[in-house]
Amino acid sequence: MKTVYTAADPIMAGFIEGVLQNAGIQAHVLQAGLYGAAGEIPPNECWARVVVVHENQAEQARKVILEYLETEADPDACDWSCPRCKEKIEAQFTQCWNCGYERGPQ
């Protein structure tokens, strides 16, 4: 296993785990319960770690994470309409919540 992302917030680590799994990369969150130990041990040692199961996917995982984080932070990202059911979807989402249509790369 290889660490590809760390986060002070275990919820964010869990979200990134889901982003990777949706991209077909087997990932897990480790140390999610240690955030309460901050102060007893250095805070960054308590951060949740997202690891990939197959080390050869580490670079691909980092690219997926970076792409997601850049899209999330992009103020110019545009909402989109699902071509299948016409539902309006916020820019950060790649799947229609209504019918499940998966938007391809933009």
N, C-alpha and C. Protein backbone atom coordinates (compact mmCIF):
# COMPACT_ATOMS: atom_id res chain seq x y z
N MET A 1 0.84 -1.17 0.00
CA MET A 1 0.00 0.00 0.00
C MET A 1 0.89 1.24 0.00
N LYS A 2 0.40 2.28 -0.68
CA LYS A 2 1.17 3.52 -0.78
C LYS A 2 0.25 4.70 -0.49
N THR A 3 0.70 5.62 0.36
CA THR A 3 -0.06 6.81 0.70
C THR A 3 -0.06 7.78 -0.48
N VAL A 4 -1.27 8.25 -0.84
CA VAL A 4 -1.40 9.19 -1.96
C VAL A 4 -2.04 10.51 -1.52
N TYR A 5 -2.57 10.57 -0.31
CA TYR A 5 -3.24 11.79 0.15
C TYR A 5 -3.33 11.74 1.67
N THR A 6 -3.15 12.89 2.31
CA THR A 6 -3.38 13.00 3.75
C THR A 6 -4.30 14.18 4.01
N ALA A 7 -5.08 14.09 5.07
CA ALA A 7 -6.02 15.16 5.39
C ALA A 7 -6.23 15.22 6.89
N ALA A 8 -6.27 16.44 7.43
CA ALA A 8 -6.57 16.63 8.84
C ALA A 8 -8.01 16.20 9.14
N ASP A 9 -8.87 16.34 8.15
CA ASP A 9 -10.29 16.01 8.28
C ASP A 9 -10.53 14.59 7.74
N PRO A 10 -10.89 13.64 8.61
CA PRO A 10 -11.12 12.28 8.13
C PRO A 10 -12.29 12.17 7.15
N ILE A 11 -13.22 13.11 7.21
CA ILE A 11 -14.34 13.09 6.26
C ILE A 11 -13.84 13.38 4.86
N MET A 12 -12.92 14.34 4.73
CA MET A 12 -12.35 14.64 3.43
C MET A 12 -11.55 13.45 2.90
N ALA A 13 -10.83 12.80 3.77
CA ALA A 13 -10.07 11.61 3.36
C ALA A 13 -11.03 10.54 2.84
N GLY A 14 -12.16 10.36 3.51
CA GLY A 14 -13.15 9.39 3.05
C GLY A 14 -13.74 9.77 1.71
N PHE A 15 -13.92 11.07 1.50
CA PHE A 15 -14.45 11.54 0.22
C PHE A 15 -13.45 11.26 -0.90
N ILE A 16 -12.16 11.53 -0.65
CA ILE A 16 -11.12 11.27 -1.65
C ILE A 16 -11.04 9.77 -1.92
N GLU A 17 -11.21 8.95 -0.90
CA GLU A 17 -11.25 7.50 -1.09
C GLU A 17 -12.35 7.14 -2.10
N GLY A 18 -13.52 7.75 -1.96
CA GLY A 18 -14.62 7.50 -2.88
C GLY A 18 -14.32 7.98 -4.29
N VAL A 19 -13.66 9.13 -4.42
CA VAL A 19 -13.27 9.64 -5.74
C VAL A 19 -12.37 8.63 -6.43
N LEU A 20 -11.40 8.09 -5.69
CA LEU A 20 -10.48 7.11 -6.28
C LEU A 20 -11.21 5.82 -6.65
N GLN A 21 -12.07 5.35 -5.78
CA GLN A 21 -12.80 4.12 -6.07
C GLN A 21 -13.70 4.29 -7.29
N ASN A 22 -14.31 5.47 -7.44
CA ASN A 22 -15.12 5.73 -8.63
C ASN A 22 -14.27 5.74 -9.90
N ALA A 23 -12.97 6.02 -9.75
CA ALA A 23 -12.06 6.01 -10.89
C ALA A 23 -11.47 4.61 -11.12
N GLY A 24 -11.92 3.63 -10.36
CA GLY A 24 -11.46 2.26 -10.52
C GLY A 24 -10.16 1.95 -9.81
N ILE A 25 -9.79 2.78 -8.84
CA ILE A 25 -8.56 2.59 -8.08
C ILE A 25 -8.92 2.14 -6.68
N GLN A 26 -8.44 0.98 -6.30
CA GLN A 26 -8.75 0.44 -4.98
C GLN A 26 -7.99 1.23 -3.92
N ALA A 27 -8.72 1.89 -3.01
CA ALA A 27 -8.11 2.75 -1.99
C ALA A 27 -8.81 2.56 -0.66
N HIS A 28 -8.09 2.91 0.40
CA HIS A 28 -8.63 2.82 1.76
C HIS A 28 -8.14 4.01 2.58
N VAL A 29 -8.89 4.35 3.62
CA VAL A 29 -8.48 5.39 4.56
C VAL A 29 -7.90 4.70 5.79
N LEU A 30 -6.72 5.15 6.20
CA LEU A 30 -6.08 4.66 7.41
C LEU A 30 -5.96 5.82 8.40
N GLN A 31 -5.92 5.51 9.67
CA GLN A 31 -5.72 6.48 10.75
C GLN A 31 -6.86 7.46 10.90
N ALA A 32 -8.04 7.16 10.42
CA ALA A 32 -9.16 8.11 10.50
C ALA A 32 -9.55 8.42 11.94
N GLY A 33 -9.31 7.52 12.85
CA GLY A 33 -9.70 7.73 14.24
C GLY A 33 -8.65 8.39 15.11
N LEU A 34 -7.51 8.73 14.54
CA LEU A 34 -6.44 9.30 15.34
C LEU A 34 -6.52 10.80 15.55
N TYR A 35 -7.44 11.49 14.86
CA TYR A 35 -7.47 12.95 14.95
C TYR A 35 -7.67 13.43 16.38
N GLY A 36 -8.27 12.65 17.22
CA GLY A 36 -8.48 13.02 18.62
C GLY A 36 -7.21 12.98 19.44
N ALA A 37 -6.17 12.37 18.92
CA ALA A 37 -4.90 12.28 19.65
C ALA A 37 -4.00 13.48 19.40
N ALA A 38 -4.43 14.41 18.55
CA ALA A 38 -3.63 15.60 18.26
C ALA A 38 -3.36 16.34 19.57
N GLY A 39 -2.13 16.71 19.78
CA GLY A 39 -1.72 17.34 21.03
C GLY A 39 -0.88 16.38 21.84
N GLU A 40 -1.28 15.12 21.84
CA GLU A 40 -0.49 14.09 22.50
C GLU A 40 0.67 13.68 21.60
N ILE A 41 0.40 13.67 20.30
CA ILE A 41 1.42 13.39 19.29
C ILE A 41 1.31 14.49 18.24
N PRO A 42 2.33 14.71 17.43
CA PRO A 42 2.28 15.79 16.44
C PRO A 42 1.01 15.70 15.58
N PRO A 43 0.34 16.84 15.36
CA PRO A 43 -0.94 16.82 14.64
C PRO A 43 -0.89 16.13 13.27
N ASN A 44 0.17 16.39 12.49
CA ASN A 44 0.19 15.77 11.16
C ASN A 44 0.40 14.27 11.23
N GLU A 45 0.83 13.74 12.35
CA GLU A 45 0.94 12.29 12.51
C GLU A 45 -0.44 11.66 12.76
N CYS A 46 -1.42 12.51 13.10
CA CYS A 46 -2.78 12.03 13.38
C CYS A 46 -3.68 12.11 12.15
N TRP A 47 -3.21 12.72 11.10
CA TRP A 47 -4.05 12.92 9.91
C TRP A 47 -4.42 11.59 9.27
N ALA A 48 -5.60 11.56 8.72
CA ALA A 48 -6.05 10.39 7.98
C ALA A 48 -5.22 10.26 6.70
N ARG A 49 -4.89 9.04 6.34
CA ARG A 49 -4.11 8.79 5.13
C ARG A 49 -4.95 7.97 4.16
N VAL A 50 -4.94 8.38 2.90
CA VAL A 50 -5.59 7.59 1.85
C VAL A 50 -4.48 6.82 1.16
N VAL A 51 -4.64 5.51 1.13
CA VAL A 51 -3.63 4.65 0.50
C VAL A 51 -4.26 3.88 -0.65
N VAL A 52 -3.44 3.60 -1.66
CA VAL A 52 -3.88 2.74 -2.74
C VAL A 52 -3.36 1.33 -2.47
N VAL A 53 -4.15 0.34 -2.82
CA VAL A 53 -3.79 -1.05 -2.57
C VAL A 53 -2.65 -1.47 -3.48
N HIS A 54 -2.74 -1.08 -4.74
CA HIS A 54 -1.72 -1.46 -5.72
C HIS A 54 -0.79 -0.28 -5.94
N GLU A 55 0.44 -0.41 -5.48
CA GLU A 55 1.39 0.70 -5.53
C GLU A 55 1.61 1.24 -6.94
N ASN A 56 1.45 0.39 -7.95
CA ASN A 56 1.65 0.85 -9.33
C ASN A 56 0.54 1.82 -9.77
N GLN A 57 -0.51 1.98 -8.99
CA GLN A 57 -1.57 2.93 -9.30
C GLN A 57 -1.42 4.25 -8.54
N ALA A 58 -0.34 4.40 -7.79
CA ALA A 58 -0.16 5.59 -6.96
C ALA A 58 -0.11 6.87 -7.80
N GLU A 59 0.64 6.87 -8.87
CA GLU A 59 0.76 8.07 -9.70
C GLU A 59 -0.58 8.42 -10.34
N GLN A 60 -1.28 7.40 -10.84
CA GLN A 60 -2.60 7.62 -11.44
C GLN A 60 -3.55 8.18 -10.38
N ALA A 61 -3.48 7.67 -9.16
CA ALA A 61 -4.34 8.14 -8.07
C ALA A 61 -4.07 9.60 -7.76
N ARG A 62 -2.80 9.97 -7.71
CA ARG A 62 -2.45 11.38 -7.45
C ARG A 62 -3.01 12.30 -8.53
N LYS A 63 -2.97 11.85 -9.77
CA LYS A 63 -3.51 12.65 -10.88
C LYS A 63 -5.02 12.82 -10.73
N VAL A 64 -5.71 11.74 -10.37
CA VAL A 64 -7.17 11.80 -10.18
C VAL A 64 -7.50 12.77 -9.06
N ILE A 65 -6.75 12.69 -7.96
CA ILE A 65 -6.99 13.58 -6.82
C ILE A 65 -6.75 15.04 -7.22
N LEU A 66 -5.64 15.29 -7.88
CA LEU A 66 -5.31 16.65 -8.30
C LEU A 66 -6.37 17.20 -9.25
N GLU A 67 -6.79 16.38 -10.19
CA GLU A 67 -7.84 16.80 -11.14
C GLU A 67 -9.12 17.15 -10.40
N TYR A 68 -9.49 16.32 -9.43
CA TYR A 68 -10.70 16.60 -8.66
C TYR A 68 -10.55 17.91 -7.88
N LEU A 69 -9.43 18.07 -7.18
CA LEU A 69 -9.24 19.26 -6.36
C LEU A 69 -9.18 20.53 -7.21
N GLU A 70 -8.58 20.45 -8.40
CA GLU A 70 -8.53 21.61 -9.29
C GLU A 70 -9.92 21.96 -9.81
N THR A 71 -10.71 20.96 -10.13
CA THR A 71 -12.07 21.18 -10.61
C THR A 71 -12.91 21.78 -9.49
N GLU A 72 -12.72 21.27 -8.29
CA GLU A 72 -13.47 21.76 -7.13
C GLU A 72 -13.15 23.23 -6.85
N ALA A 73 -11.91 23.62 -7.06
CA ALA A 73 -11.49 24.98 -6.76
C ALA A 73 -11.66 25.93 -7.94
N ASP A 74 -12.09 25.43 -9.08
CA ASP A 74 -12.19 26.24 -10.30
C ASP A 74 -13.43 27.13 -10.25
N PRO A 75 -13.26 28.44 -10.08
CA PRO A 75 -14.42 29.33 -10.02
C PRO A 75 -15.12 29.47 -11.37
N ASP A 76 -14.45 29.07 -12.45
CA ASP A 76 -15.03 29.17 -13.78
C ASP A 76 -15.78 27.90 -14.20
N ALA A 77 -15.77 26.89 -13.35
CA ALA A 77 -16.46 25.65 -13.69
C ALA A 77 -17.96 25.94 -13.85
N CYS A 78 -18.55 25.34 -14.85
CA CYS A 78 -19.96 25.62 -15.16
C CYS A 78 -20.85 24.45 -14.78
N ASP A 79 -22.03 24.78 -14.30
CA ASP A 79 -23.03 23.75 -14.08
C ASP A 79 -23.37 23.13 -15.44
N TRP A 80 -23.92 21.93 -15.42
CA TRP A 80 -24.24 21.26 -16.67
C TRP A 80 -25.62 20.61 -16.57
N SER A 81 -26.19 20.34 -17.72
CA SER A 81 -27.50 19.68 -17.77
C SER A 81 -27.31 18.26 -18.26
N CYS A 82 -27.96 17.35 -17.60
CA CYS A 82 -27.88 15.94 -17.97
C CYS A 82 -28.54 15.75 -19.34
N PRO A 83 -27.83 15.17 -20.30
CA PRO A 83 -28.42 14.97 -21.62
C PRO A 83 -29.54 13.93 -21.62
N ARG A 84 -29.56 13.06 -20.59
CA ARG A 84 -30.57 12.02 -20.54
C ARG A 84 -31.89 12.52 -19.94
N CYS A 85 -31.83 13.17 -18.78
CA CYS A 85 -33.07 13.56 -18.10
C CYS A 85 -33.24 15.08 -17.97
N LYS A 86 -32.25 15.84 -18.43
CA LYS A 86 -32.29 17.31 -18.44
C LYS A 86 -32.19 17.95 -17.05
N GLU A 87 -31.81 17.18 -16.05
CA GLU A 87 -31.63 17.71 -14.70
C GLU A 87 -30.42 18.64 -14.67
N LYS A 88 -30.50 19.75 -13.94
CA LYS A 88 -29.37 20.67 -13.81
C LYS A 88 -28.46 20.15 -12.70
N ILE A 89 -27.16 20.01 -13.01
CA ILE A 89 -26.19 19.44 -12.09
C ILE A 89 -25.09 20.46 -11.83
N GLU A 90 -24.66 20.59 -10.58
CA GLU A 90 -23.58 21.50 -10.24
C GLU A 90 -22.27 21.02 -10.85
N ALA A 91 -21.39 21.97 -11.15
CA ALA A 91 -20.16 21.71 -11.90
C ALA A 91 -19.26 20.64 -11.28
N GLN A 92 -19.19 20.57 -9.96
CA GLN A 92 -18.25 19.65 -9.33
C GLN A 92 -18.68 18.18 -9.43
N PHE A 93 -19.92 17.94 -9.84
CA PHE A 93 -20.39 16.57 -9.93
C PHE A 93 -20.25 16.03 -11.36
N THR A 94 -19.87 14.77 -11.45
CA THR A 94 -19.70 14.15 -12.77
C THR A 94 -20.80 13.13 -13.06
N GLN A 95 -21.69 12.93 -12.11
CA GLN A 95 -22.78 11.97 -12.31
C GLN A 95 -24.10 12.64 -11.95
N CYS A 96 -25.10 12.38 -12.77
CA CYS A 96 -26.44 12.92 -12.51
C CYS A 96 -27.04 12.20 -11.30
N TRP A 97 -27.47 12.97 -10.34
CA TRP A 97 -28.08 12.38 -9.15
C TRP A 97 -29.45 11.79 -9.45
N ASN A 98 -30.09 12.26 -10.49
CA ASN A 98 -31.46 11.85 -10.80
C ASN A 98 -31.51 10.52 -11.56
N CYS A 99 -30.69 10.38 -12.62
CA CYS A 99 -30.79 9.18 -13.45
C CYS A 99 -29.50 8.36 -13.49
N GLY A 100 -28.41 8.88 -12.92
CA GLY A 100 -27.16 8.13 -12.88
C GLY A 100 -26.25 8.30 -14.08
N TYR A 101 -26.64 9.15 -15.03
CA TYR A 101 -25.80 9.38 -16.21
C TYR A 101 -24.42 9.87 -15.77
N GLU A 102 -23.37 9.27 -16.32
CA GLU A 102 -21.99 9.62 -15.99
C GLU A 102 -21.44 10.55 -17.07
N ARG A 103 -21.13 11.79 -16.68
CA ARG A 103 -20.56 12.76 -17.61
C ARG A 103 -19.11 12.39 -17.89
N GLY A 104 -18.74 12.43 -19.14
CA GLY A 104 -17.35 12.13 -19.50
C GLY A 104 -16.45 13.30 -19.19
N PRO A 105 -15.12 13.14 -19.43
CA PRO A 105 -14.19 14.24 -19.19
C PRO A 105 -14.53 15.45 -20.05
N GLN A 106 -14.35 16.60 -19.47
CA GLN A 106 -14.66 17.85 -20.17
C GLN A 106 -13.44 18.43 -20.80
